[in-house]
Amino acid sequence: MKLNLIDGDCYYNHALIYQDKWNKVEAIKHFEKAANLYQQQGNQALYQNSLNQIKNLKNN
């Protein structure tokens, strides 16, 4: 799936779908993209949430 999106929420939601399908690699990629976009937008809460999701996936 190729995404041409600039909305962090879209990447975050796609990451959740990949996570539900046990595709950790793609989930992490999408959470990282979401985190980058949230950081660019100055949304610290969602940026941190995305980083936490990545940390949880890498630890499991």
PDB file of N, CA and C in Angstrom:
ATOM      1  N   MET A   1       0.846  -1.167   0.000  1.00  0.00           N
ATOM      2  CA  MET A   1       0.000   0.000   0.000  1.00  0.00           C
ATOM      3  C   MET A   1       0.891   1.230   0.000  1.00  0.00           C
ATOM      4  N   LYS A   2       0.660   2.145  -0.918  1.00  0.00           N
ATOM      5  CA  LYS A   2       1.430   3.370  -0.977  1.00  0.00           C
ATOM      6  C   LYS A   2       0.549   4.519  -0.510  1.00  0.00           C
ATOM      7  N   LEU A   3       1.074   5.293   0.438  1.00  0.00           N
ATOM      8  CA  LEU A   3       0.330   6.422   0.981  1.00  0.00           C
ATOM      9  C   LEU A   3       1.014   7.720   0.604  1.00  0.00           C
ATOM     10  N   ASN A   4       0.263   8.645   0.079  1.00  0.00           N
ATOM     11  CA  ASN A   4       0.762   9.983  -0.189  1.00  0.00           C
ATOM     12  C   ASN A   4      -0.013  10.932   0.699  1.00  0.00           C
ATOM     13  N   LEU A   5       0.249  10.842   1.973  1.00  0.00           N
ATOM     14  CA  LEU A   5      -0.535  11.589   2.948  1.00  0.00           C
ATOM     15  C   LEU A   5       0.356  12.527   3.731  1.00  0.00           C
ATOM     16  N   ILE A   6      -0.221  13.606   4.203  1.00  0.00           N
ATOM     17  CA  ILE A   6       0.515  14.508   5.074  1.00  0.00           C
ATOM     18  C   ILE A   6      -0.161  14.608   6.430  1.00  0.00           C
ATOM     19  N   ASP A   7      -1.135  13.785   6.651  1.00  0.00           N
ATOM     20  CA  ASP A   7      -1.905  13.806   7.889  1.00  0.00           C
ATOM     21  C   ASP A   7      -1.414  12.701   8.815  1.00  0.00           C
ATOM     22  N   GLY A   8      -0.911  13.104   9.979  1.00  0.00           N
ATOM     23  CA  GLY A   8      -0.423  12.130  10.949  1.00  0.00           C
ATOM     24  C   GLY A   8      -1.482  11.137  11.368  1.00  0.00           C
ATOM     25  N   ASP A   9      -2.724  11.581  11.456  1.00  0.00           N
ATOM     26  CA  ASP A   9      -3.811  10.690  11.871  1.00  0.00           C
ATOM     27  C   ASP A   9      -3.982   9.521  10.902  1.00  0.00           C
ATOM     28  N   CYS A  10      -3.811   9.769   9.616  1.00  0.00           N
ATOM     29  CA  CYS A  10      -3.945   8.683   8.632  1.00  0.00           C
ATOM     30  C   CYS A  10      -2.868   7.633   8.837  1.00  0.00           C
ATOM     31  N   TYR A  11      -1.635   8.080   9.025  1.00  0.00           N
ATOM     32  CA  TYR A  11      -0.551   7.131   9.266  1.00  0.00           C
ATOM     33  C   TYR A  11      -0.751   6.392  10.582  1.00  0.00           C
ATOM     34  N   TYR A  12      -1.204   7.110  11.592  1.00  0.00           N
ATOM     35  CA  TYR A  12      -1.437   6.493  12.899  1.00  0.00           C
ATOM     36  C   TYR A  12      -2.504   5.400  12.779  1.00  0.00           C
ATOM     37  N   ASN A  13      -3.598   5.713  12.102  1.00  0.00           N
ATOM     38  CA  ASN A  13      -4.681   4.735  11.941  1.00  0.00           C
ATOM     39  C   ASN A  13      -4.244   3.532  11.114  1.00  0.00           C
ATOM     40  N   HIS A  14      -3.451   3.757  10.079  1.00  0.00           N
ATOM     41  CA  HIS A  14      -2.929   2.634   9.303  1.00  0.00           C
ATOM     42  C   HIS A  14      -2.001   1.782  10.163  1.00  0.00           C
ATOM     43  N   ALA A  15      -1.228   2.426  11.019  1.00  0.00           N
ATOM     44  CA  ALA A  15      -0.347   1.683  11.919  1.00  0.00           C
ATOM     45  C   ALA A  15      -1.147   0.779  12.840  1.00  0.00           C
ATOM     46  N   LEU A  16      -2.271   1.279  13.325  1.00  0.00           N
ATOM     47  CA  LEU A  16      -3.128   0.462  14.190  1.00  0.00           C
ATOM     48  C   LEU A  16      -3.658  -0.756  13.446  1.00  0.00           C
ATOM     49  N   ILE A  17      -3.986  -0.574  12.185  1.00  0.00           N
ATOM     50  CA  ILE A  17      -4.471  -1.698  11.374  1.00  0.00           C
ATOM     51  C   ILE A  17      -3.364  -2.733  11.211  1.00  0.00           C
ATOM     52  N   TYR A  18      -2.160  -2.278  10.872  1.00  0.00           N
ATOM     53  CA  TYR A  18      -1.036  -3.211  10.741  1.00  0.00           C
ATOM     54  C   TYR A  18      -0.754  -3.917  12.065  1.00  0.00           C
ATOM     55  N   GLN A  19      -0.865  -3.181  13.151  1.00  0.00           N
ATOM     56  CA  GLN A  19      -0.641  -3.765  14.473  1.00  0.00           C
ATOM     57  C   GLN A  19      -1.662  -4.869  14.745  1.00  0.00           C
ATOM     58  N   ASP A  20      -2.915  -4.616  14.414  1.00  0.00           N
ATOM     59  CA  ASP A  20      -3.959  -5.621  14.607  1.00  0.00           C
ATOM     60  C   ASP A  20      -3.726  -6.866  13.755  1.00  0.00           C
ATOM     61  N   LYS A  21      -3.060  -6.678  12.607  1.00  0.00           N
ATOM     62  CA  LYS A  21      -2.789  -7.806  11.719  1.00  0.00           C
ATOM     63  C   LYS A  21      -1.432  -8.435  12.009  1.00  0.00           C
ATOM     64  N   TRP A  22      -0.808  -8.062  13.113  1.00  0.00           N
ATOM     65  CA  TRP A  22       0.472  -8.604  13.562  1.00  0.00           C
ATOM     66  C   TRP A  22       1.602  -8.317  12.587  1.00  0.00           C
ATOM     67  N   ASN A  23       1.515  -7.185  11.890  1.00  0.00           N
ATOM     68  CA  ASN A  23       2.587  -6.778  10.984  1.00  0.00           C
ATOM     69  C   ASN A  23       3.370  -5.660  11.666  1.00  0.00           C
ATOM     70  N   LYS A  24       4.279  -6.063  12.554  1.00  0.00           N
ATOM     71  CA  LYS A  24       5.018  -5.099  13.378  1.00  0.00           C
ATOM     72  C   LYS A  24       5.872  -4.147  12.556  1.00  0.00           C
ATOM     73  N   VAL A  25       6.507  -4.666  11.522  1.00  0.00           N
ATOM     74  CA  VAL A  25       7.417  -3.845  10.721  1.00  0.00           C
ATOM     75  C   VAL A  25       6.658  -2.676  10.095  1.00  0.00           C
ATOM     76  N   GLU A  26       5.548  -2.967   9.456  1.00  0.00           N
ATOM     77  CA  GLU A  26       4.761  -1.896   8.823  1.00  0.00           C
ATOM     78  C   GLU A  26       4.129  -0.979   9.862  1.00  0.00           C
ATOM     79  N   ALA A  27       3.692  -1.550  10.974  1.00  0.00           N
ATOM     80  CA  ALA A  27       3.105  -0.726  12.037  1.00  0.00           C
ATOM     81  C   ALA A  27       4.129   0.276  12.551  1.00  0.00           C
ATOM     82  N   ILE A  28       5.344  -0.179  12.786  1.00  0.00           N
ATOM     83  CA  ILE A  28       6.388   0.717  13.275  1.00  0.00           C
ATOM     84  C   ILE A  28       6.688   1.810  12.251  1.00  0.00           C
ATOM     85  N   LYS A  29       6.790   1.442  10.986  1.00  0.00           N
ATOM     86  CA  LYS A  29       7.037   2.441   9.930  1.00  0.00           C
ATOM     87  C   LYS A  29       5.966   3.528   9.936  1.00  0.00           C
ATOM     88  N   HIS A  30       4.717   3.112  10.070  1.00  0.00           N
ATOM     89  CA  HIS A  30       3.626   4.075  10.024  1.00  0.00           C
ATOM     90  C   HIS A  30       3.550   4.904  11.306  1.00  0.00           C
ATOM     91  N   PHE A  31       3.821   4.296  12.454  1.00  0.00           N
ATOM     92  CA  PHE A  31       3.872   5.080  13.691  1.00  0.00           C
ATOM     93  C   PHE A  31       5.012   6.094  13.627  1.00  0.00           C
ATOM     94  N   GLU A  32       6.156   5.712  13.041  1.00  0.00           N
ATOM     95  CA  GLU A  32       7.270   6.650  12.907  1.00  0.00           C
ATOM     96  C   GLU A  32       6.899   7.822  12.012  1.00  0.00           C
ATOM     97  N   LYS A  33       6.234   7.543  10.910  1.00  0.00           N
ATOM     98  CA  LYS A  33       5.806   8.622  10.011  1.00  0.00           C
ATOM     99  C   LYS A  33       4.793   9.522  10.712  1.00  0.00           C
ATOM    100  N   ALA A  34       3.856   8.913  11.431  1.00  0.00           N
ATOM    101  CA  ALA A  34       2.874   9.705  12.182  1.00  0.00           C
ATOM    102  C   ALA A  34       3.579  10.581  13.211  1.00  0.00           C
ATOM    103  N   ALA A  35       4.544  10.018  13.924  1.00  0.00           N
ATOM    104  CA  ALA A  35       5.275  10.782  14.942  1.00  0.00           C
ATOM    105  C   ALA A  35       5.979  11.976  14.310  1.00  0.00           C
ATOM    106  N   ASN A  36       6.620  11.756  13.165  1.00  0.00           N
ATOM    107  CA  ASN A  36       7.305  12.852  12.481  1.00  0.00           C
ATOM    108  C   ASN A  36       6.337  13.954  12.078  1.00  0.00           C
ATOM    109  N   LEU A  37       5.190  13.562  11.556  1.00  0.00           N
ATOM    110  CA  LEU A  37       4.199  14.555  11.145  1.00  0.00           C
ATOM    111  C   LEU A  37       3.616  15.295  12.345  1.00  0.00           C
ATOM    112  N   TYR A  38       3.329  14.577  13.411  1.00  0.00           N
ATOM    113  CA  TYR A  38       2.812  15.230  14.618  1.00  0.00           C
ATOM    114  C   TYR A  38       3.837  16.217  15.175  1.00  0.00           C
ATOM    115  N   GLN A  39       5.103  15.837  15.138  1.00  0.00           N
ATOM    116  CA  GLN A  39       6.146  16.732  15.631  1.00  0.00           C
ATOM    117  C   GLN A  39       6.217  17.991  14.772  1.00  0.00           C
ATOM    118  N   GLN A  40       6.133  17.837  13.460  1.00  0.00           N
ATOM    119  CA  GLN A  40       6.140  18.985  12.549  1.00  0.00           C
ATOM    120  C   GLN A  40       4.946  19.902  12.794  1.00  0.00           C
ATOM    121  N   GLN A  41       3.819  19.295  13.170  1.00  0.00           N
ATOM    122  CA  GLN A  41       2.596  20.060  13.422  1.00  0.00           C
ATOM    123  C   GLN A  41       2.573  20.651  14.829  1.00  0.00           C
ATOM    124  N   GLY A  42       3.562  20.303  15.649  1.00  0.00           N
ATOM    125  CA  GLY A  42       3.610  20.812  17.014  1.00  0.00           C
ATOM    126  C   GLY A  42       2.645  20.133  17.963  1.00  0.00           C
ATOM    127  N   ASN A  43       2.194  18.932  17.614  1.00  0.00           N
ATOM    128  CA  ASN A  43       1.259  18.195  18.454  1.00  0.00           C
ATOM    129  C   ASN A  43       2.045  17.233  19.342  1.00  0.00           C
ATOM    130  N   GLN A  44       2.498  17.735  20.478  1.00  0.00           N
ATOM    131  CA  GLN A  44       3.375  16.980  21.363  1.00  0.00           C
ATOM    132  C   GLN A  44       2.696  15.729  21.931  1.00  0.00           C
ATOM    133  N   ALA A  45       1.423  15.825  22.265  1.00  0.00           N
ATOM    134  CA  ALA A  45       0.720  14.684  22.871  1.00  0.00           C
ATOM    135  C   ALA A  45       0.650  13.504  21.900  1.00  0.00           C
ATOM    136  N   LEU A  46       0.255  13.754  20.667  1.00  0.00           N
ATOM    137  CA  LEU A  46       0.155  12.662  19.698  1.00  0.00           C
ATOM    138  C   LEU A  46       1.527  12.188  19.234  1.00  0.00           C
ATOM    139  N   TYR A  47       2.498  13.094  19.214  1.00  0.00           N
ATOM    140  CA  TYR A  47       3.878  12.713  18.919  1.00  0.00           C
ATOM    141  C   TYR A  47       4.362  11.701  19.958  1.00  0.00           C
ATOM    142  N   GLN A  48       4.168  12.010  21.221  1.00  0.00           N
ATOM    143  CA  GLN A  48       4.598  11.129  22.299  1.00  0.00           C
ATOM    144  C   GLN A  48       3.824   9.818  22.277  1.00  0.00           C
ATOM    145  N   ASN A  49       2.533   9.891  21.973  1.00  0.00           N
ATOM    146  CA  ASN A  49       1.718   8.682  21.885  1.00  0.00           C
ATOM    147  C   ASN A  49       2.262   7.748  20.802  1.00  0.00           C
ATOM    148  N   SER A  50       2.630   8.308  19.669  1.00  0.00           N
ATOM    149  CA  SER A  50       3.188   7.495  18.579  1.00  0.00           C
ATOM    150  C   SER A  50       4.496   6.853  19.000  1.00  0.00           C
ATOM    151  N   LEU A  51       5.349   7.613  19.685  1.00  0.00           N
ATOM    152  CA  LEU A  51       6.617   7.056  20.165  1.00  0.00           C
ATOM    153  C   LEU A  51       6.378   5.925  21.160  1.00  0.00           C
ATOM    154  N   ASN A  52       5.384   6.087  22.009  1.00  0.00           N
ATOM    155  CA  ASN A  52       5.044   5.032  22.968  1.00  0.00           C
ATOM    156  C   ASN A  52       4.578   3.765  22.264  1.00  0.00           C
ATOM    157  N   GLN A  53       3.799   3.929  21.210  1.00  0.00           N
ATOM    158  CA  GLN A  53       3.343   2.764  20.434  1.00  0.00           C
ATOM    159  C   GLN A  53       4.541   2.036  19.828  1.00  0.00           C
ATOM    160  N   ILE A  54       5.496   2.798  19.299  1.00  0.00           N
ATOM    161  CA  ILE A  54       6.694   2.197  18.706  1.00  0.00           C
ATOM    162  C   ILE A  54       7.473   1.431  19.777  1.00  0.00           C
ATOM    163  N   LYS A  55       7.649   2.046  20.919  1.00  0.00           N
ATOM    164  CA  LYS A  55       8.371   1.406  22.011  1.00  0.00           C
ATOM    165  C   LYS A  55       7.697   0.098  22.416  1.00  0.00           C
ATOM    166  N   ASN A  56       6.376   0.124  22.537  1.00  0.00           N
ATOM    167  CA  ASN A  56       5.640  -1.084  22.908  1.00  0.00           C
ATOM    168  C   ASN A  56       5.805  -2.189  21.866  1.00  0.00           C
ATOM    169  N   LEU A  57       5.752  -1.827  20.601  1.00  0.00           N
ATOM    170  CA  LEU A  57       5.909  -2.836  19.550  1.00  0.00           C
ATOM    171  C   LEU A  57       7.313  -3.436  19.554  1.00  0.00           C
ATOM    172  N   LYS A  58       8.309  -2.605  19.778  1.00  0.00           N
ATOM    173  CA  LYS A  58       9.685  -3.095  19.776  1.00  0.00           C
ATOM    174  C   LYS A  58       9.986  -3.960  20.998  1.00  0.00           C
ATOM    175  N   ASN A  59       9.263  -3.750  22.074  1.00  0.00           N
ATOM    176  CA  ASN A  59       9.486  -4.527  23.302  1.00  0.00           C
ATOM    177  C   ASN A  59       8.683  -5.824  23.332  1.00  0.00           C
ATOM    178  N   ASN A  60       7.788  -6.013  22.386  1.00  0.00           N
ATOM    179  CA  ASN A  60       6.950  -7.234  22.357  1.00  0.00           C
ATOM    180  C   ASN A  60       7.269  -8.112  21.194  1.00  0.00           C
TER     181      ASN A  60
END
